[in-house]
């Protein structure tokens, strides 16, 4: 998922890492410094259109390295979050570093995420503009619930529950969709989807150029 506004990196704010409040967390995150940038897959590639495999091996150097690489890749793309199949890895895993509507920064990762089914009384649909690192360029309005609860595991296999509201809730839903083989384009009417793909073809090269420049800034 992509960011469409200033992430407030220079402002004081509250931070939640893996859902737990902390006093502060470096910007960029330490994971970015450790990670290696990977190629971001683009809509139309097969890995983005099928359900990913569950993570079954926890606590491994390979999984930790993948998470670091995903953070680094997300950072050079100025993303809010990125799923494993967006770096061409067939696993149910995503990471995030995002500031929500209330100025709270959320940083973390989750494996094998499952979204709770919200009671009807809590299902308030909000239409907001949404973008995607694998659909470089366009933003389109997508309706999603303004609250989300996702359950899964951390990199060591420990149970994890992450709750979000507003933009962060949208992020959690967007990334979980990726792991089920869906992009936000699949939630659009045919005409809107066609328009988004046309915009992507027109803008993708400038987006890739910005990512290359951002990678250089971060020493990647």
C-alpha atoms as a PDB file:
ATOM      1  CA  UNK A   1       0.000   0.000   0.000  1.00  0.00           C
ATOM      2  CA  UNK A   2       1.239   3.482  -0.796  1.00  0.00           C
ATOM      3  CA  UNK A   3       1.359   6.730   1.151  1.00  0.00           C
ATOM      4  CA  UNK A   4      -0.422   9.771  -0.262  1.00  0.00           C
ATOM      5  CA  UNK A   5       0.452  12.309   2.421  1.00  0.00           C
ATOM      6  CA  UNK A   6       3.289  13.490   4.678  1.00  0.00           C
ATOM      7  CA  UNK A   7       4.070  10.669   7.131  1.00  0.00           C
ATOM      8  CA  UNK A   8       5.026  13.198   9.847  1.00  0.00           C
ATOM      9  CA  UNK A   9       8.446  11.644  10.418  1.00  0.00           C
ATOM     10  CA  UNK A  10       9.801  14.865  11.917  1.00  0.00           C
ATOM     11  CA  UNK A  11       6.978  15.341  14.432  1.00  0.00           C
ATOM     12  CA  UNK A  12       6.706  14.010  17.972  1.00  0.00           C
ATOM     13  CA  UNK A  13       4.105  11.286  18.204  1.00  0.00           C
ATOM     14  CA  UNK A  14       3.083   8.093  19.867  1.00  0.00           C
ATOM     15  CA  UNK A  15       4.389   4.824  18.449  1.00  0.00           C
ATOM     16  CA  UNK A  16       3.109   1.238  18.498  1.00  0.00           C
ATOM     17  CA  UNK A  17       5.508  -1.560  17.564  1.00  0.00           C
ATOM     18  CA  UNK A  18       3.804  -4.914  17.015  1.00  0.00           C
ATOM     19  CA  UNK A  19       0.736  -3.287  18.574  1.00  0.00           C
ATOM     20  CA  UNK A  20       2.555  -2.387  21.796  1.00  0.00           C
ATOM     21  CA  UNK A  21       3.000   1.311  22.769  1.00  0.00           C
ATOM     22  CA  UNK A  22       6.643   2.421  22.993  1.00  0.00           C
ATOM     23  CA  UNK A  23       8.242   5.785  23.705  1.00  0.00           C
ATOM     24  CA  UNK A  24       9.937   6.045  20.327  1.00  0.00           C
ATOM     25  CA  UNK A  25      11.201   4.111  17.316  1.00  0.00           C
ATOM     26  CA  UNK A  26      13.890   5.200  14.842  1.00  0.00           C
ATOM     27  CA  UNK A  27      13.006   6.635  11.441  1.00  0.00           C
ATOM     28  CA  UNK A  28      13.832   4.900   9.176  1.00  0.00           C
ATOM     29  CA  UNK A  29      13.228   1.716  11.159  1.00  0.00           C
ATOM     30  CA  UNK A  30      16.308  -0.433  11.993  1.00  0.00           C
ATOM     31  CA  UNK A  31      14.898  -3.116   9.710  1.00  0.00           C
ATOM     32  CA  UNK A  32      15.421  -0.772   6.764  1.00  0.00           C
ATOM     33  CA  UNK A  33      19.136  -0.431   7.521  1.00  0.00           C
ATOM     34  CA  UNK A  34      19.539  -4.215   7.787  1.00  0.00           C
ATOM     35  CA  UNK A  35      17.462  -5.076   4.743  1.00  0.00           C
ATOM     36  CA  UNK A  36      18.208  -5.421   1.054  1.00  0.00           C
ATOM     37  CA  UNK A  37      15.866  -3.912  -1.511  1.00  0.00           C
ATOM     38  CA  UNK A  38      14.009  -6.443  -3.652  1.00  0.00           C
ATOM     39  CA  UNK A  39      12.116  -6.008  -6.925  1.00  0.00           C
ATOM     40  CA  UNK A  40       8.462  -5.091  -6.431  1.00  0.00           C
ATOM     41  CA  UNK A  41       6.096  -7.254  -8.450  1.00  0.00           C
ATOM     42  CA  UNK A  42       3.554  -5.550 -10.714  1.00  0.00           C
ATOM     43  CA  UNK A  43      -0.109  -6.401 -11.250  1.00  0.00           C
ATOM     44  CA  UNK A  44      -0.415  -9.048 -13.948  1.00  0.00           C
ATOM     45  CA  UNK A  45       2.263 -11.272 -12.443  1.00  0.00           C
ATOM     46  CA  UNK A  46       0.894 -14.648 -11.379  1.00  0.00           C
ATOM     47  CA  UNK A  47       2.128 -14.483  -7.774  1.00  0.00           C
ATOM     48  CA  UNK A  48      -0.165 -11.510  -7.113  1.00  0.00           C
ATOM     49  CA  UNK A  49      -3.293 -13.366  -8.198  1.00  0.00           C
ATOM     50  CA  UNK A  50      -3.156 -16.519  -6.081  1.00  0.00           C
ATOM     51  CA  UNK A  51      -3.437 -17.268  -2.372  1.00  0.00           C
ATOM     52  CA  UNK A  52      -0.058 -17.371  -0.639  1.00  0.00           C
ATOM     53  CA  UNK A  53       1.263 -20.310   1.375  1.00  0.00           C
ATOM     54  CA  UNK A  54       1.134 -20.207   5.162  1.00  0.00           C
ATOM     55  CA  UNK A  55       4.333 -19.482   7.057  1.00  0.00           C
ATOM     56  CA  UNK A  56       5.284 -22.697   8.880  1.00  0.00           C
ATOM     57  CA  UNK A  57       8.956 -22.137   9.735  1.00  0.00           C
ATOM     58  CA  UNK A  58       9.368 -19.550  12.495  1.00  0.00           C
ATOM     59  CA  UNK A  59      12.398 -18.149  14.282  1.00  0.00           C
ATOM     60  CA  UNK A  60      14.675 -18.683  11.280  1.00  0.00           C
ATOM     61  CA  UNK A  61      17.345 -16.321   9.936  1.00  0.00           C
ATOM     62  CA  UNK A  62      15.668 -16.583   6.528  1.00  0.00           C
ATOM     63  CA  UNK A  63      12.347 -15.261   7.838  1.00  0.00           C
ATOM     64  CA  UNK A  64      14.036 -12.453   9.771  1.00  0.00           C
ATOM     65  CA  UNK A  65      16.012 -11.495   6.656  1.00  0.00           C
ATOM     66  CA  UNK A  66      12.866 -11.478   4.530  1.00  0.00           C
ATOM     67  CA  UNK A  67      11.136  -9.127   6.978  1.00  0.00           C
ATOM     68  CA  UNK A  68      14.123  -6.770   6.936  1.00  0.00           C
ATOM     69  CA  UNK A  69      14.179  -6.848   3.136  1.00  0.00           C
ATOM     70  CA  UNK A  70      10.464  -6.077   2.997  1.00  0.00           C
ATOM     71  CA  UNK A  71      10.938  -3.063   5.273  1.00  0.00           C
ATOM     72  CA  UNK A  72      13.795  -1.817   3.078  1.00  0.00           C
ATOM     73  CA  UNK A  73      11.782  -2.321  -0.102  1.00  0.00           C
ATOM     74  CA  UNK A  74       8.761  -0.592   1.398  1.00  0.00           C
ATOM     75  CA  UNK A  75      10.928   2.357   2.467  1.00  0.00           C
ATOM     76  CA  UNK A  76      12.485   3.037  -0.936  1.00  0.00           C
ATOM     77  CA  UNK A  77       8.995   2.965  -2.467  1.00  0.00           C
ATOM     78  CA  UNK A  78       7.656   5.407   0.166  1.00  0.00           C
ATOM     79  CA  UNK A  79       5.117   2.768   1.079  1.00  0.00           C
ATOM     80  CA  UNK A  80       2.913   2.337   4.114  1.00  0.00           C
ATOM     81  CA  UNK A  81       3.051  -1.467   3.966  1.00  0.00           C
ATOM     82  CA  UNK A  82       4.066  -4.328   1.708  1.00  0.00           C
ATOM     83  CA  UNK A  83       3.141  -8.003   1.421  1.00  0.00           C
ATOM     84  CA  UNK A  84       5.538 -10.877   0.720  1.00  0.00           C
ATOM     85  CA  UNK A  85       4.120 -11.630  -2.720  1.00  0.00           C
ATOM     86  CA  UNK A  86       4.945  -8.023  -3.647  1.00  0.00           C
ATOM     87  CA  UNK A  87       8.618  -8.980  -3.338  1.00  0.00           C
ATOM     88  CA  UNK A  88       7.963 -12.246  -5.217  1.00  0.00           C
ATOM     89  CA  UNK A  89       7.806 -14.490  -2.137  1.00  0.00           C
ATOM     90  CA  UNK A  90       4.890 -16.904  -1.814  1.00  0.00           C
ATOM     91  CA  UNK A  91       4.208 -16.534   1.914  1.00  0.00           C
ATOM     92  CA  UNK A  92       1.420 -15.098   4.069  1.00  0.00           C
ATOM     93  CA  UNK A  93       3.378 -12.225   5.554  1.00  0.00           C
ATOM     94  CA  UNK A  94       3.253  -8.447   5.482  1.00  0.00           C
ATOM     95  CA  UNK A  95       5.014  -5.544   7.177  1.00  0.00           C
ATOM     96  CA  UNK A  96       3.958  -1.967   7.879  1.00  0.00           C
ATOM     97  CA  UNK A  97       5.328   1.418   8.928  1.00  0.00           C
ATOM     98  CA  UNK A  98       2.455   3.854   8.811  1.00  0.00           C
ATOM     99  CA  UNK A  99       1.126   6.892  10.666  1.00  0.00           C
ATOM    100  CA  UNK A 100      -2.630   6.810  11.192  1.00  0.00           C
ATOM    101  CA  UNK A 101      -5.230   9.573  11.101  1.00  0.00           C
ATOM    102  CA  UNK A 102      -4.548  10.436  14.763  1.00  0.00           C
ATOM    103  CA  UNK A 103      -0.765  10.801  14.434  1.00  0.00           C
ATOM    104  CA  UNK A 104       0.085   7.387  15.889  1.00  0.00           C
ATOM    105  CA  UNK A 105       2.901   5.589  14.086  1.00  0.00           C
ATOM    106  CA  UNK A 106       2.443   1.829  13.707  1.00  0.00           C
ATOM    107  CA  UNK A 107       5.406  -0.444  12.873  1.00  0.00           C
ATOM    108  CA  UNK A 108       5.402  -4.212  12.642  1.00  0.00           C
ATOM    109  CA  UNK A 109       4.960  -7.466  10.784  1.00  0.00           C
ATOM    110  CA  UNK A 110       2.468 -10.323  10.871  1.00  0.00           C
ATOM    111  CA  UNK A 111       2.408 -13.843   9.438  1.00  0.00           C
ATOM    112  CA  UNK A 112      -0.692 -15.848   8.501  1.00  0.00           C
ATOM    113  CA  UNK A 113      -3.075 -12.921   9.123  1.00  0.00           C
ATOM    114  CA  UNK A 114      -6.810 -13.497   9.485  1.00  0.00           C
ATOM    115  CA  UNK A 115      -9.241 -10.583   9.681  1.00  0.00           C
ATOM    116  CA  UNK A 116     -11.964 -10.752  12.320  1.00  0.00           C
ATOM    117  CA  UNK A 117     -15.517 -10.568  11.013  1.00  0.00           C
ATOM    118  CA  UNK A 118     -16.798  -7.331  12.522  1.00  0.00           C
ATOM    119  CA  UNK A 119     -20.307  -7.183  14.007  1.00  0.00           C
ATOM    120  CA  UNK A 120     -22.770  -5.295  11.828  1.00  0.00           C
ATOM    121  CA  UNK A 121     -22.935  -2.476  14.386  1.00  0.00           C
ATOM    122  CA  UNK A 122     -19.200  -1.833  13.940  1.00  0.00           C
ATOM    123  CA  UNK A 123     -19.114  -2.110  10.154  1.00  0.00           C
ATOM    124  CA  UNK A 124     -18.951   1.496   9.008  1.00  0.00           C
ATOM    125  CA  UNK A 125     -17.861   1.650   5.384  1.00  0.00           C
ATOM    126  CA  UNK A 126     -15.654   4.575   4.410  1.00  0.00           C
ATOM    127  CA  UNK A 127     -14.740   5.502   0.853  1.00  0.00           C
ATOM    128  CA  UNK A 128     -11.151   6.712   0.590  1.00  0.00           C
ATOM    129  CA  UNK A 129      -8.461   6.939  -2.064  1.00  0.00           C
ATOM    130  CA  UNK A 130      -6.178   3.911  -2.136  1.00  0.00           C
ATOM    131  CA  UNK A 131      -2.971   3.077  -3.973  1.00  0.00           C
ATOM    132  CA  UNK A 132      -0.668   0.070  -4.244  1.00  0.00           C
ATOM    133  CA  UNK A 133       3.065  -0.459  -4.730  1.00  0.00           C
ATOM    134  CA  UNK A 134       2.249  -3.181  -7.274  1.00  0.00           C
ATOM    135  CA  UNK A 135      -0.022  -0.804  -9.209  1.00  0.00           C
ATOM    136  CA  UNK A 136       2.503   2.027  -9.574  1.00  0.00           C
ATOM    137  CA  UNK A 137       0.883   5.411 -10.089  1.00  0.00           C
ATOM    138  CA  UNK A 138      -2.896   5.515  -9.765  1.00  0.00           C
ATOM    139  CA  UNK A 139      -5.077   6.023  -6.712  1.00  0.00           C
ATOM    140  CA  UNK A 140      -8.747   5.046  -6.743  1.00  0.00           C
ATOM    141  CA  UNK A 141     -11.574   5.296  -4.219  1.00  0.00           C
ATOM    142  CA  UNK A 142     -12.270   2.012  -2.422  1.00  0.00           C
ATOM    143  CA  UNK A 143     -14.909   1.368   0.255  1.00  0.00           C
ATOM    144  CA  UNK A 144     -13.665  -0.479   3.355  1.00  0.00           C
ATOM    145  CA  UNK A 145     -14.692  -0.757   7.028  1.00  0.00           C
ATOM    146  CA  UNK A 146     -13.044   1.920   9.160  1.00  0.00           C
ATOM    147  CA  UNK A 147     -12.019  -0.631  11.797  1.00  0.00           C
ATOM    148  CA  UNK A 148     -10.038  -3.859  11.492  1.00  0.00           C
ATOM    149  CA  UNK A 149      -8.713  -6.568  13.779  1.00  0.00           C
ATOM    150  CA  UNK A 150      -6.169  -8.998  12.343  1.00  0.00           C
ATOM    151  CA  UNK A 151      -4.850 -12.099  14.109  1.00  0.00           C
ATOM    152  CA  UNK A 152      -1.712 -14.026  13.224  1.00  0.00           C
ATOM    153  CA  UNK A 153       1.818 -14.711  14.426  1.00  0.00           C
ATOM    154  CA  UNK A 154       5.085 -12.829  14.733  1.00  0.00           C
ATOM    155  CA  UNK A 155       8.378 -14.030  13.231  1.00  0.00           C
ATOM    156  CA  UNK A 156       8.965 -16.303  16.233  1.00  0.00           C
ATOM    157  CA  UNK A 157       5.535 -17.907  16.033  1.00  0.00           C
ATOM    158  CA  UNK A 158       4.019 -16.004  18.963  1.00  0.00           C
ATOM    159  CA  UNK A 159       0.294 -15.104  18.694  1.00  0.00           C
ATOM    160  CA  UNK A 160      -0.307 -11.545  17.558  1.00  0.00           C
ATOM    161  CA  UNK A 161      -3.429  -9.372  17.451  1.00  0.00           C
ATOM    162  CA  UNK A 162      -3.297  -6.003  15.698  1.00  0.00           C
ATOM    163  CA  UNK A 163      -6.167  -3.506  15.759  1.00  0.00           C
ATOM    164  CA  UNK A 164      -6.500  -0.506  13.497  1.00  0.00           C
ATOM    165  CA  UNK A 165      -8.840   2.366  12.768  1.00  0.00           C
ATOM    166  CA  UNK A 166      -9.106   4.663   9.794  1.00  0.00           C
ATOM    167  CA  UNK A 167      -6.147   4.584   7.423  1.00  0.00           C
ATOM    168  CA  UNK A 168      -4.372   1.875   9.430  1.00  0.00           C
ATOM    169  CA  UNK A 169      -7.488  -0.323   9.281  1.00  0.00           C
ATOM    170  CA  UNK A 170      -7.515   0.173   5.521  1.00  0.00           C
ATOM    171  CA  UNK A 171      -3.847  -0.833   5.392  1.00  0.00           C
ATOM    172  CA  UNK A 172      -4.443  -4.064   7.337  1.00  0.00           C
ATOM    173  CA  UNK A 173      -7.288  -5.023   4.998  1.00  0.00           C
ATOM    174  CA  UNK A 174      -5.383  -4.062   1.846  1.00  0.00           C
ATOM    175  CA  UNK A 175      -2.367  -6.206   2.764  1.00  0.00           C
ATOM    176  CA  UNK A 176      -4.472  -9.172   3.874  1.00  0.00           C
ATOM    177  CA  UNK A 177      -6.197  -8.971   0.482  1.00  0.00           C
ATOM    178  CA  UNK A 178      -2.789  -9.305  -1.188  1.00  0.00           C
ATOM    179  CA  UNK A 179      -2.140 -12.593   0.586  1.00  0.00           C
ATOM    180  CA  UNK A 180      -5.437 -13.925  -0.791  1.00  0.00           C
ATOM    181  CA  UNK A 181      -4.398 -13.019  -4.331  1.00  0.00           C
ATOM    182  CA  UNK A 182      -6.339  -9.746  -4.577  1.00  0.00           C
ATOM    183  CA  UNK A 183      -5.318  -6.169  -5.246  1.00  0.00           C
ATOM    184  CA  UNK A 184      -7.466  -3.092  -4.752  1.00  0.00           C
ATOM    185  CA  UNK A 185      -8.177  -3.233  -8.499  1.00  0.00           C
ATOM    186  CA  UNK A 186     -10.330  -6.295  -7.848  1.00  0.00           C
ATOM    187  CA  UNK A 187     -12.641  -4.116  -5.736  1.00  0.00           C
ATOM    188  CA  UNK A 188     -13.238  -1.633  -8.551  1.00  0.00           C
ATOM    189  CA  UNK A 189     -15.900  -1.603 -11.250  1.00  0.00           C
ATOM    190  CA  UNK A 190     -14.613  -2.738 -14.640  1.00  0.00           C
ATOM    191  CA  UNK A 191     -14.456   0.801 -16.005  1.00  0.00           C
ATOM    192  CA  UNK A 192     -12.484   2.102 -13.004  1.00  0.00           C
ATOM    193  CA  UNK A 193     -10.102  -0.850 -13.176  1.00  0.00           C
ATOM    194  CA  UNK A 194      -9.453  -0.177 -16.860  1.00  0.00           C
ATOM    195  CA  UNK A 195      -8.788   3.491 -16.115  1.00  0.00           C
ATOM    196  CA  UNK A 196      -6.386   2.596 -13.282  1.00  0.00           C
ATOM    197  CA  UNK A 197      -4.415   0.264 -15.556  1.00  0.00           C
ATOM    198  CA  UNK A 198      -4.201   2.975 -18.210  1.00  0.00           C
ATOM    199  CA  UNK A 199      -2.903   5.459 -15.618  1.00  0.00           C
ATOM    200  CA  UNK A 200      -0.396   2.895 -14.394  1.00  0.00           C
ATOM    201  CA  UNK A 201       1.071   2.455 -17.869  1.00  0.00           C
ATOM    202  CA  UNK A 202       1.418   6.222 -18.224  1.00  0.00           C
ATOM    203  CA  UNK A 203       3.033   6.791 -14.817  1.00  0.00           C
ATOM    204  CA  UNK A 204       4.941   3.641 -13.920  1.00  0.00           C
ATOM    205  CA  UNK A 205       8.298   4.802 -15.309  1.00  0.00           C
ATOM    206  CA  UNK A 206       8.256   8.009 -13.254  1.00  0.00           C
ATOM    207  CA  UNK A 207       7.325   5.975 -10.168  1.00  0.00           C
ATOM    208  CA  UNK A 208      10.225   3.588 -10.774  1.00  0.00           C
ATOM    209  CA  UNK A 209      12.570   6.570 -11.191  1.00  0.00           C
ATOM    210  CA  UNK A 210      11.468   8.002  -7.839  1.00  0.00           C
ATOM    211  CA  UNK A 211      12.090   4.633  -6.180  1.00  0.00           C
ATOM    212  CA  UNK A 212      15.603   4.502  -7.632  1.00  0.00           C
ATOM    213  CA  UNK A 213      16.317   7.996  -6.337  1.00  0.00           C
ATOM    214  CA  UNK A 214      14.909   7.140  -2.915  1.00  0.00           C
ATOM    215  CA  UNK A 215      17.059   4.003  -2.761  1.00  0.00           C
ATOM    216  CA  UNK A 216      20.143   6.133  -3.423  1.00  0.00           C
ATOM    217  CA  UNK A 217      19.125   8.519  -0.611  1.00  0.00           C
ATOM    218  CA  UNK A 218      18.904   5.588   1.795  1.00  0.00           C
ATOM    219  CA  UNK A 219      22.165   4.056   0.596  1.00  0.00           C
ATOM    220  CA  UNK A 220      20.366   1.121  -0.969  1.00  0.00           C
END
